[in-house]
Each structure stands twice: as C-alpha cells, then as structure tokens.
Amino acid sequence: MKLYYKSGACSLSPHIVLEELGLPYEAEAVDLQTKVTASGGDFTRTNPKGYVPALELDGGEVLTEGPAIVQYLADLVPEKKLAPANGTLARYRLQSWLTFIGTELHKSCSPFFNPASGDAWKAAAKANLERRLEYIDHELAGRAYLMGEDFSVADAYLFTVLGWMGYIQFDLARFSNLVAFQARVAARPAVQAALKAEGLA
C-alpha cells in the first residue's frame, strides 16, 4: 500500500492508523499547489480530486476520503480494535464521530487556510469551533478516548484536527479534557512515529 500525504494535513490521520496497525506501507508526500508527488508524478492521475489522503492499494485501486480509508485499514487488522465490528451500534457511533469531526471541525478550519476568506467567514467558523470543541470536551469527561477506554480511528482524526489549532491561533487551554486527550494521543509510539515521518516531531 502507498499513502499519499501532505505533512500535517488530514492525511496524518490514516498515517497514524497505519503505524498503529503495524501494516507495511509506503508514504509519498504531495505538493498540493502543483499536484506533483515527491517522486515527480502527477498526483491527479492517482486522485483526480487533487487532495490528500489517497491510499493506493496493492492491487492498484485507489481509496480516497480519510474516514473511508481509516475504516478500511482498521478492518484489515480487526484484532487491534481500532474500529468496532461492522453492523454493530458501536460501529455506527464511530462513523458518527468521524462524520462530526469531518463536517463540524475539519471544515470549520478551512477558512483559516484559505487566503480568500473574509473576517466574517472566519468569525463564524471560530464560533462554530468554540461550540463543537466545548461539546467534545464535555464528552471526553471521565474517558480516555472518544469511544471509551480504547483508542480508535476517530481519535486519530480528532488528534490531527486539534493539531491545527495552533496554526489558526485557537487556544485550547480552557478545554482541559481536550488538552489531556491531545497529550495522551501524542504520547502513543505510533503517533510519534507518524509525526516523525512527516517532520512534525
């Protein structure tokens, strides 16, 4: 398998999951401005959408969209329990978290990385982030991870998005459960390995 990524982008989530699972893989960086891979390839031939992550499978097929990729990977090594079994209520709860992180947190960060964004758009996005992060902070009270005591693919995604808060000058200090969660996840050896591979640690 080969993961196409950009350092620190949402592709860090499947990068962490690959490390957690101990699966053999290659990783290749992508310049999202030029759409050129580190080896000089045209990334749009791999993923016509033009963004990361993209996971090229051993058979040549390509899977895109982070939440789909991490669930696919988790199902390859079910004994690692990074995702509950398909068809269970717990699996749908996991999908609920992945959707929430993607639509309510990830996308609310977009204006801060878009030079065309106006102040009003950024203010609305910040207000949304405040509400959503407060909700997650409350949900994390008394538990180690989003789904309870076991680390899941949703935690990898949340950790990735929380890592952007420093770039957009959003102070997490008042969300004590989120701060503790971020430190807990950062200390995991697989997370350290992914961060190091992307030049972030």
N, C-alpha and C. Protein backbone atom coordinates (compact mmCIF):
# COMPACT_ATOMS: atom_id res chain seq x y z
N MET A 1 0.84 -1.19 0.00
CA MET A 1 0.00 0.00 0.00
C MET A 1 0.88 1.25 0.00
N LYS A 2 0.33 2.30 -0.57
CA LYS A 2 1.04 3.58 -0.55
C LYS A 2 0.08 4.68 -0.13
N LEU A 3 0.47 5.44 0.88
CA LEU A 3 -0.31 6.58 1.35
C LEU A 3 0.27 7.86 0.76
N TYR A 4 -0.56 8.61 0.08
CA TYR A 4 -0.17 9.94 -0.39
C TYR A 4 -0.62 10.96 0.65
N TYR A 5 0.30 11.81 1.07
CA TYR A 5 0.03 12.71 2.18
C TYR A 5 0.67 14.08 1.98
N LYS A 6 0.21 15.03 2.78
CA LYS A 6 0.89 16.31 2.93
C LYS A 6 1.15 16.45 4.42
N SER A 7 2.35 16.83 4.77
CA SER A 7 2.73 16.93 6.17
C SER A 7 1.75 17.77 6.97
N GLY A 8 1.21 17.18 8.04
CA GLY A 8 0.33 17.90 8.94
C GLY A 8 -1.11 18.04 8.48
N ALA A 9 -1.40 17.64 7.26
CA ALA A 9 -2.77 17.74 6.75
C ALA A 9 -3.62 16.60 7.29
N CYS A 10 -4.86 16.49 6.84
CA CYS A 10 -5.75 15.44 7.36
C CYS A 10 -5.25 14.04 7.05
N SER A 11 -4.32 13.93 6.12
CA SER A 11 -3.71 12.63 5.81
C SER A 11 -2.87 12.09 6.96
N LEU A 12 -2.60 12.93 7.96
CA LEU A 12 -1.89 12.44 9.15
C LEU A 12 -2.72 11.38 9.86
N SER A 13 -4.04 11.49 9.79
CA SER A 13 -4.91 10.53 10.45
C SER A 13 -4.70 9.10 9.95
N PRO A 14 -4.81 8.81 8.64
CA PRO A 14 -4.51 7.45 8.19
C PRO A 14 -3.04 7.06 8.37
N HIS A 15 -2.16 8.06 8.37
CA HIS A 15 -0.74 7.77 8.62
C HIS A 15 -0.58 7.19 10.03
N ILE A 16 -1.25 7.80 11.00
CA ILE A 16 -1.23 7.30 12.38
C ILE A 16 -1.83 5.90 12.44
N VAL A 17 -2.94 5.71 11.75
CA VAL A 17 -3.62 4.41 11.77
C VAL A 17 -2.74 3.32 11.19
N LEU A 18 -2.05 3.61 10.11
CA LEU A 18 -1.12 2.64 9.53
C LEU A 18 -0.05 2.24 10.53
N GLU A 19 0.48 3.21 11.25
CA GLU A 19 1.51 2.93 12.25
C GLU A 19 0.92 2.13 13.41
N GLU A 20 -0.28 2.49 13.85
CA GLU A 20 -0.93 1.76 14.95
C GLU A 20 -1.14 0.29 14.58
N LEU A 21 -1.49 0.04 13.33
CA LEU A 21 -1.80 -1.32 12.90
C LEU A 21 -0.56 -2.14 12.57
N GLY A 22 0.56 -1.47 12.35
CA GLY A 22 1.79 -2.17 12.02
C GLY A 22 1.78 -2.76 10.62
N LEU A 23 0.99 -2.19 9.73
CA LEU A 23 0.91 -2.69 8.36
C LEU A 23 2.09 -2.18 7.52
N PRO A 24 2.58 -2.99 6.59
CA PRO A 24 3.63 -2.50 5.69
C PRO A 24 3.04 -1.49 4.70
N TYR A 25 3.73 -0.37 4.51
CA TYR A 25 3.22 0.64 3.59
C TYR A 25 4.36 1.56 3.15
N GLU A 26 4.11 2.26 2.06
CA GLU A 26 4.98 3.36 1.64
C GLU A 26 4.21 4.65 1.86
N ALA A 27 4.93 5.74 1.99
CA ALA A 27 4.28 7.05 2.10
C ALA A 27 4.99 8.01 1.16
N GLU A 28 4.20 8.76 0.41
CA GLU A 28 4.78 9.72 -0.53
C GLU A 28 4.10 11.07 -0.37
N ALA A 29 4.92 12.09 -0.16
CA ALA A 29 4.40 13.44 0.02
C ALA A 29 3.89 14.01 -1.30
N VAL A 30 2.93 14.91 -1.19
CA VAL A 30 2.33 15.57 -2.35
C VAL A 30 2.38 17.08 -2.14
N ASP A 31 2.79 17.81 -3.17
CA ASP A 31 2.69 19.26 -3.18
C ASP A 31 1.29 19.59 -3.68
N LEU A 32 0.43 20.05 -2.79
CA LEU A 32 -0.97 20.26 -3.17
C LEU A 32 -1.17 21.49 -4.05
N GLN A 33 -0.18 22.35 -4.10
CA GLN A 33 -0.27 23.51 -5.01
C GLN A 33 -0.02 23.08 -6.46
N THR A 34 1.04 22.30 -6.65
CA THR A 34 1.41 21.89 -8.01
C THR A 34 0.82 20.54 -8.40
N LYS A 35 0.32 19.79 -7.40
CA LYS A 35 -0.22 18.43 -7.61
C LYS A 35 0.86 17.46 -8.09
N VAL A 36 2.09 17.70 -7.66
CA VAL A 36 3.22 16.84 -8.02
C VAL A 36 3.66 16.07 -6.78
N THR A 37 3.89 14.77 -6.93
CA THR A 37 4.34 13.95 -5.81
C THR A 37 5.85 14.09 -5.63
N ALA A 38 6.33 13.60 -4.50
CA ALA A 38 7.77 13.71 -4.19
C ALA A 38 8.63 13.03 -5.25
N SER A 39 8.09 12.00 -5.90
CA SER A 39 8.86 11.30 -6.93
C SER A 39 8.67 11.91 -8.31
N GLY A 40 7.92 13.03 -8.38
CA GLY A 40 7.74 13.73 -9.65
C GLY A 40 6.51 13.33 -10.42
N GLY A 41 5.65 12.51 -9.83
CA GLY A 41 4.44 12.07 -10.52
C GLY A 41 3.32 13.10 -10.48
N ASP A 42 2.37 12.94 -11.39
CA ASP A 42 1.19 13.79 -11.44
C ASP A 42 0.15 13.20 -10.49
N PHE A 43 -0.06 13.85 -9.36
CA PHE A 43 -0.96 13.30 -8.34
C PHE A 43 -2.40 13.18 -8.84
N THR A 44 -2.80 14.04 -9.76
CA THR A 44 -4.19 13.98 -10.23
C THR A 44 -4.47 12.71 -11.02
N ARG A 45 -3.41 12.03 -11.44
CA ARG A 45 -3.62 10.74 -12.11
C ARG A 45 -3.92 9.65 -11.07
N THR A 46 -3.45 9.86 -9.86
CA THR A 46 -3.76 8.94 -8.76
C THR A 46 -5.11 9.28 -8.15
N ASN A 47 -5.30 10.56 -7.85
CA ASN A 47 -6.55 11.04 -7.28
C ASN A 47 -7.01 12.29 -8.03
N PRO A 48 -7.96 12.14 -8.95
CA PRO A 48 -8.44 13.29 -9.73
C PRO A 48 -9.02 14.40 -8.87
N LYS A 49 -9.38 14.09 -7.62
CA LYS A 49 -9.89 15.14 -6.72
C LYS A 49 -8.80 16.14 -6.37
N GLY A 50 -7.55 15.69 -6.43
CA GLY A 50 -6.42 16.59 -6.23
C GLY A 50 -6.03 16.87 -4.80
N TYR A 51 -6.62 16.15 -3.86
CA TYR A 51 -6.25 16.39 -2.46
C TYR A 51 -5.95 15.08 -1.75
N VAL A 52 -5.32 15.19 -0.60
CA VAL A 52 -4.96 14.02 0.22
C VAL A 52 -6.01 13.85 1.31
N PRO A 53 -6.08 12.64 1.90
CA PRO A 53 -5.27 11.47 1.63
C PRO A 53 -5.79 10.65 0.46
N ALA A 54 -4.88 9.86 -0.10
CA ALA A 54 -5.25 8.84 -1.07
C ALA A 54 -4.43 7.61 -0.72
N LEU A 55 -5.07 6.46 -0.74
CA LEU A 55 -4.39 5.21 -0.41
C LEU A 55 -4.43 4.31 -1.63
N GLU A 56 -3.25 4.06 -2.19
CA GLU A 56 -3.15 3.15 -3.33
C GLU A 56 -2.99 1.73 -2.80
N LEU A 57 -3.92 0.88 -3.13
CA LEU A 57 -3.91 -0.49 -2.63
C LEU A 57 -2.95 -1.35 -3.44
N ASP A 58 -2.61 -2.50 -2.92
CA ASP A 58 -1.64 -3.37 -3.58
C ASP A 58 -2.08 -3.80 -4.96
N GLY A 59 -3.38 -3.87 -5.18
CA GLY A 59 -3.90 -4.26 -6.49
C GLY A 59 -3.99 -3.11 -7.48
N GLY A 60 -3.61 -1.90 -7.04
CA GLY A 60 -3.63 -0.74 -7.93
C GLY A 60 -4.83 0.16 -7.76
N GLU A 61 -5.86 -0.31 -7.06
CA GLU A 61 -7.02 0.54 -6.82
C GLU A 61 -6.65 1.65 -5.84
N VAL A 62 -7.39 2.76 -5.90
CA VAL A 62 -7.12 3.89 -5.02
C VAL A 62 -8.37 4.20 -4.20
N LEU A 63 -8.17 4.32 -2.90
CA LEU A 63 -9.25 4.69 -1.99
C LEU A 63 -8.98 6.11 -1.51
N THR A 64 -10.03 6.95 -1.53
CA THR A 64 -9.88 8.34 -1.07
C THR A 64 -10.88 8.61 0.06
N GLU A 65 -10.73 9.76 0.67
CA GLU A 65 -11.52 10.25 1.80
C GLU A 65 -11.07 9.57 3.10
N GLY A 66 -10.54 10.39 4.01
CA GLY A 66 -9.97 9.90 5.25
C GLY A 66 -10.83 8.94 6.05
N PRO A 67 -12.10 9.27 6.34
CA PRO A 67 -12.92 8.36 7.14
C PRO A 67 -13.10 6.99 6.49
N ALA A 68 -13.19 6.94 5.17
CA ALA A 68 -13.30 5.65 4.48
C ALA A 68 -11.98 4.89 4.57
N ILE A 69 -10.88 5.60 4.38
CA ILE A 69 -9.55 4.96 4.41
C ILE A 69 -9.27 4.35 5.78
N VAL A 70 -9.52 5.11 6.85
CA VAL A 70 -9.16 4.60 8.18
C VAL A 70 -10.03 3.41 8.57
N GLN A 71 -11.29 3.39 8.14
CA GLN A 71 -12.14 2.23 8.45
C GLN A 71 -11.69 1.00 7.65
N TYR A 72 -11.33 1.23 6.40
CA TYR A 72 -10.80 0.13 5.59
C TYR A 72 -9.57 -0.47 6.26
N LEU A 73 -8.65 0.39 6.69
CA LEU A 73 -7.42 -0.08 7.32
C LEU A 73 -7.71 -0.82 8.62
N ALA A 74 -8.59 -0.25 9.44
CA ALA A 74 -8.92 -0.89 10.72
C ALA A 74 -9.49 -2.28 10.52
N ASP A 75 -10.28 -2.46 9.46
CA ASP A 75 -10.89 -3.76 9.20
C ASP A 75 -9.89 -4.80 8.70
N LEU A 76 -8.72 -4.34 8.25
CA LEU A 76 -7.68 -5.29 7.83
C LEU A 76 -7.05 -6.00 9.01
N VAL A 77 -7.06 -5.33 10.16
CA VAL A 77 -6.45 -5.90 11.37
C VAL A 77 -7.44 -5.76 12.53
N PRO A 78 -8.55 -6.50 12.48
CA PRO A 78 -9.61 -6.31 13.48
C PRO A 78 -9.17 -6.55 14.91
N GLU A 79 -8.15 -7.38 15.09
CA GLU A 79 -7.70 -7.68 16.45
C GLU A 79 -7.10 -6.46 17.15
N LYS A 80 -6.72 -5.44 16.40
CA LYS A 80 -6.19 -4.21 17.00
C LYS A 80 -7.31 -3.33 17.56
N LYS A 81 -8.54 -3.61 17.18
CA LYS A 81 -9.73 -2.94 17.72
C LYS A 81 -9.71 -1.42 17.53
N LEU A 82 -9.24 -0.98 16.37
CA LEU A 82 -9.29 0.46 16.08
C LEU A 82 -10.65 0.89 15.56
N ALA A 83 -11.50 -0.08 15.24
CA ALA A 83 -12.88 0.19 14.84
C ALA A 83 -13.74 -0.98 15.30
N PRO A 84 -14.92 -0.73 15.86
CA PRO A 84 -15.81 -1.83 16.22
C PRO A 84 -16.25 -2.60 14.98
N ALA A 85 -16.76 -3.80 15.18
CA ALA A 85 -17.17 -4.65 14.07
C ALA A 85 -18.28 -4.01 13.25
N ASN A 86 -18.23 -4.23 11.94
CA ASN A 86 -19.29 -3.73 11.06
C ASN A 86 -20.64 -4.29 11.49
N GLY A 87 -21.66 -3.46 11.37
CA GLY A 87 -23.01 -3.88 11.69
C GLY A 87 -23.41 -3.68 13.13
N THR A 88 -22.45 -3.33 13.98
CA THR A 88 -22.78 -3.10 15.39
C THR A 88 -23.12 -1.63 15.62
N LEU A 89 -23.87 -1.38 16.69
CA LEU A 89 -24.21 0.01 17.03
C LEU A 89 -22.94 0.80 17.31
N ALA A 90 -21.95 0.15 17.92
CA ALA A 90 -20.69 0.83 18.21
C ALA A 90 -20.02 1.32 16.92
N ARG A 91 -20.13 0.54 15.83
CA ARG A 91 -19.53 0.96 14.57
C ARG A 91 -20.23 2.22 14.05
N TYR A 92 -21.54 2.28 14.21
CA TYR A 92 -22.25 3.48 13.75
C TYR A 92 -21.92 4.68 14.63
N ARG A 93 -21.64 4.43 15.90
CA ARG A 93 -21.20 5.54 16.77
C ARG A 93 -19.84 6.05 16.30
N LEU A 94 -18.97 5.14 15.91
CA LEU A 94 -17.67 5.54 15.36
C LEU A 94 -17.86 6.38 14.10
N GLN A 95 -18.74 5.93 13.22
CA GLN A 95 -19.00 6.68 11.99
C GLN A 95 -19.60 8.04 12.29
N SER A 96 -20.40 8.10 13.34
CA SER A 96 -20.95 9.38 13.76
C SER A 96 -19.85 10.35 14.18
N TRP A 97 -18.88 9.84 14.96
CA TRP A 97 -17.75 10.68 15.35
C TRP A 97 -16.92 11.12 14.15
N LEU A 98 -16.65 10.19 13.23
CA LEU A 98 -15.85 10.54 12.05
C LEU A 98 -16.54 11.61 11.22
N THR A 99 -17.86 11.49 11.09
CA THR A 99 -18.63 12.49 10.33
C THR A 99 -18.62 13.83 11.03
N PHE A 100 -18.82 13.81 12.34
CA PHE A 100 -18.83 15.04 13.13
C PHE A 100 -17.49 15.77 13.03
N ILE A 101 -16.40 15.03 13.19
CA ILE A 101 -15.07 15.65 13.10
C ILE A 101 -14.85 16.23 11.71
N GLY A 102 -15.26 15.48 10.69
CA GLY A 102 -15.04 15.93 9.32
C GLY A 102 -15.86 17.16 8.94
N THR A 103 -17.14 17.15 9.32
CA THR A 103 -18.02 18.24 8.88
C THR A 103 -18.03 19.43 9.82
N GLU A 104 -17.88 19.18 11.12
CA GLU A 104 -18.00 20.27 12.08
C GLU A 104 -16.68 20.86 12.55
N LEU A 105 -15.62 20.06 12.57
CA LEU A 105 -14.31 20.58 12.97
C LEU A 105 -13.41 20.83 11.77
N HIS A 106 -13.16 19.78 11.01
CA HIS A 106 -12.27 19.89 9.85
C HIS A 106 -12.68 21.04 8.93
N LYS A 107 -13.93 21.03 8.51
CA LYS A 107 -14.39 22.04 7.56
C LYS A 107 -14.46 23.44 8.18
N SER A 108 -14.64 23.51 9.49
CA SER A 108 -14.65 24.83 10.14
C SER A 108 -13.27 25.46 10.17
N CYS A 109 -12.24 24.65 9.95
CA CYS A 109 -10.88 25.19 9.90
C CYS A 109 -10.53 25.73 8.51
N SER A 110 -11.29 25.32 7.51
CA SER A 110 -10.97 25.68 6.12
C SER A 110 -10.78 27.17 5.88
N PRO A 111 -11.65 28.05 6.44
CA PRO A 111 -11.46 29.48 6.16
C PRO A 111 -10.11 30.03 6.59
N PHE A 112 -9.52 29.42 7.62
CA PHE A 112 -8.24 29.92 8.13
C PHE A 112 -7.06 29.55 7.24
N PHE A 113 -7.29 28.61 6.32
CA PHE A 113 -6.24 28.20 5.39
C PHE A 113 -6.51 28.70 3.98
N ASN A 114 -7.58 29.48 3.83
CA ASN A 114 -7.99 29.99 2.52
C ASN A 114 -7.73 31.49 2.45
N PRO A 115 -6.78 31.93 1.62
CA PRO A 115 -6.44 33.36 1.55
C PRO A 115 -7.62 34.24 1.14
N ALA A 116 -8.62 33.66 0.50
CA ALA A 116 -9.78 34.44 0.05
C ALA A 116 -10.83 34.64 1.14
N SER A 117 -10.62 34.02 2.29
CA SER A 117 -11.61 34.11 3.36
C SER A 117 -11.65 35.50 3.97
N GLY A 118 -12.84 36.00 4.18
CA GLY A 118 -13.01 37.30 4.83
C GLY A 118 -13.13 37.14 6.34
N ASP A 119 -13.08 38.26 7.06
CA ASP A 119 -13.14 38.23 8.51
C ASP A 119 -14.46 37.66 9.02
N ALA A 120 -15.55 37.96 8.32
CA ALA A 120 -16.86 37.48 8.76
C ALA A 120 -16.94 35.95 8.69
N TRP A 121 -16.38 35.39 7.63
CA TRP A 121 -16.38 33.93 7.46
C TRP A 121 -15.54 33.29 8.56
N LYS A 122 -14.39 33.89 8.83
CA LYS A 122 -13.51 33.34 9.87
C LYS A 122 -14.16 33.44 11.24
N ALA A 123 -14.86 34.55 11.50
CA ALA A 123 -15.52 34.72 12.80
C ALA A 123 -16.62 33.68 12.99
N ALA A 124 -17.37 33.41 11.93
CA ALA A 124 -18.44 32.41 12.00
C ALA A 124 -17.84 31.02 12.23
N ALA A 125 -16.73 30.74 11.55
CA ALA A 125 -16.07 29.44 11.70
C ALA A 125 -15.52 29.28 13.11
N LYS A 126 -14.95 30.35 13.66
CA LYS A 126 -14.41 30.28 15.01
C LYS A 126 -15.51 30.04 16.03
N ALA A 127 -16.65 30.68 15.84
CA ALA A 127 -17.78 30.49 16.75
C ALA A 127 -18.26 29.04 16.70
N ASN A 128 -18.28 28.47 15.51
CA ASN A 128 -18.68 27.08 15.37
C ASN A 128 -17.68 26.16 16.06
N LEU A 129 -16.40 26.43 15.88
CA LEU A 129 -15.37 25.64 16.54
C LEU A 129 -15.52 25.69 18.06
N GLU A 130 -15.80 26.88 18.58
CA GLU A 130 -15.99 27.03 20.03
C GLU A 130 -17.07 26.08 20.53
N ARG A 131 -18.22 26.08 19.86
CA ARG A 131 -19.34 25.23 20.28
C ARG A 131 -19.01 23.76 20.15
N ARG A 132 -18.41 23.38 19.03
CA ARG A 132 -18.14 21.96 18.78
C ARG A 132 -17.05 21.41 19.70
N LEU A 133 -16.03 22.22 19.96
CA LEU A 133 -14.96 21.77 20.85
C LEU A 133 -15.46 21.68 22.29
N GLU A 134 -16.34 22.58 22.66
CA GLU A 134 -16.93 22.51 24.00
C GLU A 134 -17.72 21.21 24.16
N TYR A 135 -18.45 20.84 23.12
CA TYR A 135 -19.20 19.59 23.14
C TYR A 135 -18.27 18.38 23.30
N ILE A 136 -17.21 18.33 22.51
CA ILE A 136 -16.28 17.20 22.60
C ILE A 136 -15.59 17.17 23.95
N ASP A 137 -15.21 18.34 24.46
CA ASP A 137 -14.58 18.41 25.77
C ASP A 137 -15.49 17.79 26.83
N HIS A 138 -16.77 18.10 26.75
CA HIS A 138 -17.75 17.54 27.68
C HIS A 138 -17.84 16.02 27.52
N GLU A 139 -17.86 15.56 26.28
CA GLU A 139 -17.98 14.13 26.00
C GLU A 139 -16.76 13.34 26.49
N LEU A 140 -15.61 13.97 26.52
CA LEU A 140 -14.38 13.30 26.95
C LEU A 140 -14.23 13.23 28.47
N ALA A 141 -15.12 13.89 29.19
CA ALA A 141 -15.03 13.86 30.65
C ALA A 141 -15.14 12.43 31.16
N GLY A 142 -14.13 11.99 31.90
CA GLY A 142 -14.18 10.67 32.50
C GLY A 142 -13.83 9.53 31.57
N ARG A 143 -13.38 9.85 30.36
CA ARG A 143 -12.97 8.76 29.45
C ARG A 143 -11.66 9.14 28.76
N ALA A 144 -10.93 8.13 28.36
CA ALA A 144 -9.62 8.37 27.74
C ALA A 144 -9.75 8.79 26.28
N TYR A 145 -10.71 8.17 25.58
CA TYR A 145 -10.85 8.40 24.15
C TYR A 145 -12.32 8.58 23.78
N LEU A 146 -12.58 8.93 22.55
CA LEU A 146 -13.94 9.24 22.13
C LEU A 146 -14.91 8.08 22.33
N MET A 147 -14.43 6.86 22.12
CA MET A 147 -15.30 5.70 22.23
C MET A 147 -15.21 5.02 23.60
N GLY A 148 -14.44 5.60 24.51
CA GLY A 148 -14.28 5.00 25.83
C GLY A 148 -12.82 4.87 26.20
N GLU A 149 -12.40 3.68 26.59
CA GLU A 149 -11.02 3.48 27.04
C GLU A 149 -10.10 2.99 25.93
N ASP A 150 -10.65 2.64 24.78
CA ASP A 150 -9.85 2.12 23.67
C ASP A 150 -9.65 3.16 22.58
N PHE A 151 -8.42 3.32 22.14
CA PHE A 151 -8.07 4.22 21.04
C PHE A 151 -8.71 3.71 19.75
N SER A 152 -9.29 4.62 18.97
CA SER A 152 -9.92 4.24 17.70
C SER A 152 -9.46 5.17 16.58
N VAL A 153 -9.89 4.85 15.37
CA VAL A 153 -9.54 5.69 14.22
C VAL A 153 -10.12 7.09 14.37
N ALA A 154 -11.22 7.24 15.10
CA ALA A 154 -11.79 8.57 15.32
C ALA A 154 -10.85 9.45 16.14
N ASP A 155 -10.14 8.83 17.07
CA ASP A 155 -9.19 9.58 17.89
C ASP A 155 -8.01 10.08 17.05
N ALA A 156 -7.59 9.27 16.08
CA ALA A 156 -6.51 9.70 15.19
C ALA A 156 -6.93 10.93 14.40
N TYR A 157 -8.18 10.94 13.97
CA TYR A 157 -8.70 12.08 13.19
C TYR A 157 -8.85 13.32 14.07
N LEU A 158 -9.41 13.14 15.26
CA LEU A 158 -9.56 14.28 16.17
C LEU A 158 -8.20 14.86 16.53
N PHE A 159 -7.23 14.01 16.84
CA PHE A 159 -5.89 14.48 17.17
C PHE A 159 -5.30 15.30 16.02
N THR A 160 -5.51 14.84 14.81
CA THR A 160 -4.99 15.54 13.63
C THR A 160 -5.57 16.94 13.52
N VAL A 161 -6.88 17.05 13.67
CA VAL A 161 -7.54 18.36 13.55
C VAL A 161 -7.16 19.27 14.72
N LEU A 162 -7.06 18.72 15.91
CA LEU A 162 -6.64 19.55 17.06
C LEU A 162 -5.25 20.13 16.84
N GLY A 163 -4.43 19.42 16.09
CA GLY A 163 -3.09 19.90 15.81
C GLY A 163 -3.06 21.18 14.99
N TRP A 164 -4.16 21.48 14.32
CA TRP A 164 -4.23 22.70 13.51
C TRP A 164 -4.55 23.94 14.35
N MET A 165 -5.01 23.74 15.58
CA MET A 165 -5.47 24.87 16.38
C MET A 165 -4.36 25.90 16.62
N GLY A 166 -3.14 25.40 16.75
CA GLY A 166 -2.02 26.33 16.94
C GLY A 166 -1.80 27.21 15.72
N TYR A 167 -1.99 26.63 14.52
CA TYR A 167 -1.78 27.38 13.29
C TYR A 167 -2.83 28.48 13.11
N ILE A 168 -4.04 28.24 13.64
CA ILE A 168 -5.11 29.24 13.44
C ILE A 168 -5.32 30.11 14.68
N GLN A 169 -4.34 30.05 15.61
CA GLN A 169 -4.38 30.84 16.84
C GLN A 169 -5.65 30.62 17.65
N PHE A 170 -6.01 29.36 17.79
CA PHE A 170 -7.17 29.00 18.60
C PHE A 170 -6.66 28.33 19.87
N ASP A 171 -6.86 28.98 21.01
CA ASP A 171 -6.32 28.50 22.28
C ASP A 171 -7.24 27.43 22.88
N LEU A 172 -6.69 26.24 23.07
CA LEU A 172 -7.45 25.13 23.63
C LEU A 172 -7.38 25.06 25.16
N ALA A 173 -6.66 25.99 25.78
CA ALA A 173 -6.35 25.87 27.21
C ALA A 173 -7.58 25.67 28.09
N ARG A 174 -8.69 26.29 27.74
CA ARG A 174 -9.86 26.18 28.61
C ARG A 174 -10.60 24.86 28.47
N PHE A 175 -10.21 24.07 27.46
CA PHE A 175 -10.83 22.76 27.26
C PHE A 175 -9.91 21.69 27.84
N SER A 176 -9.97 21.54 29.16
CA SER A 176 -8.99 20.70 29.85
C SER A 176 -9.02 19.24 29.40
N ASN A 177 -10.19 18.71 29.09
CA ASN A 177 -10.26 17.31 28.65
C ASN A 177 -9.63 17.13 27.28
N LEU A 178 -9.81 18.12 26.41
CA LEU A 178 -9.20 18.06 25.08
C LEU A 178 -7.69 18.17 25.17
N VAL A 179 -7.21 19.05 26.04
CA VAL A 179 -5.76 19.20 26.22
C VAL A 179 -5.15 17.89 26.72
N ALA A 180 -5.83 17.26 27.68
CA ALA A 180 -5.33 15.99 28.21
C ALA A 180 -5.39 14.91 27.13
N PHE A 181 -6.46 14.90 26.34
CA PHE A 181 -6.60 13.94 25.24
C PHE A 181 -5.46 14.11 24.24
N GLN A 182 -5.18 15.35 23.88
CA GLN A 182 -4.13 15.63 22.89
C GLN A 182 -2.78 15.11 23.38
N ALA A 183 -2.48 15.34 24.65
CA ALA A 183 -1.22 14.87 25.22
C ALA A 183 -1.18 13.35 25.28
N ARG A 184 -2.31 12.74 25.62
CA ARG A 184 -2.40 11.27 25.73
C ARG A 184 -2.14 10.63 24.37
N VAL A 185 -2.76 11.17 23.34
CA VAL A 185 -2.59 10.60 22.00
C VAL A 185 -1.18 10.85 21.49
N ALA A 186 -0.67 12.05 21.72
CA ALA A 186 0.68 12.40 21.25
C ALA A 186 1.74 11.47 21.83
N ALA A 187 1.49 10.92 23.01
CA ALA A 187 2.47 10.06 23.67
C ALA A 187 2.50 8.64 23.11
N ARG A 188 1.52 8.28 22.28
CA ARG A 188 1.48 6.93 21.73
C ARG A 188 2.65 6.73 20.76
N PRO A 189 3.37 5.63 20.85
CA PRO A 189 4.53 5.40 19.98
C PRO A 189 4.20 5.49 18.49
N ALA A 190 3.04 4.97 18.08
CA ALA A 190 2.66 5.00 16.67
C ALA A 190 2.43 6.43 16.20
N VAL A 191 1.87 7.25 17.08
CA VAL A 191 1.63 8.65 16.73
C VAL A 191 2.96 9.38 16.60
N GLN A 192 3.88 9.11 17.52
CA GLN A 192 5.21 9.72 17.43
C GLN A 192 5.91 9.31 16.14
N ALA A 193 5.73 8.05 15.74
CA ALA A 193 6.36 7.57 14.50
C ALA A 193 5.80 8.30 13.28
N ALA A 194 4.47 8.49 13.24
CA ALA A 194 3.85 9.19 12.12
C ALA A 194 4.27 10.66 12.09
N LEU A 195 4.30 11.29 13.26
CA LEU A 195 4.71 12.69 13.34
C LEU A 195 6.16 12.85 12.87
N LYS A 196 7.01 11.94 13.30
CA LYS A 196 8.42 12.00 12.91
C LYS A 196 8.56 11.81 11.40
N ALA A 197 7.80 10.88 10.84
CA ALA A 197 7.88 10.62 9.41
C ALA A 197 7.45 11.83 8.58
N GLU A 198 6.56 12.65 9.15
CA GLU A 198 6.09 13.84 8.43
C GLU A 198 6.87 15.10 8.82
N GLY A 199 7.92 14.93 9.61
CA GLY A 199 8.74 16.07 10.01
C GLY A 199 8.07 16.97 11.02
N LEU A 200 7.16 16.41 11.81
CA LEU A 200 6.40 17.20 12.78
C LEU A 200 6.84 16.96 14.21
N ALA A 201 7.81 16.07 14.41
CA ALA A 201 8.29 15.78 15.77
C ALA A 201 9.81 15.65 15.75
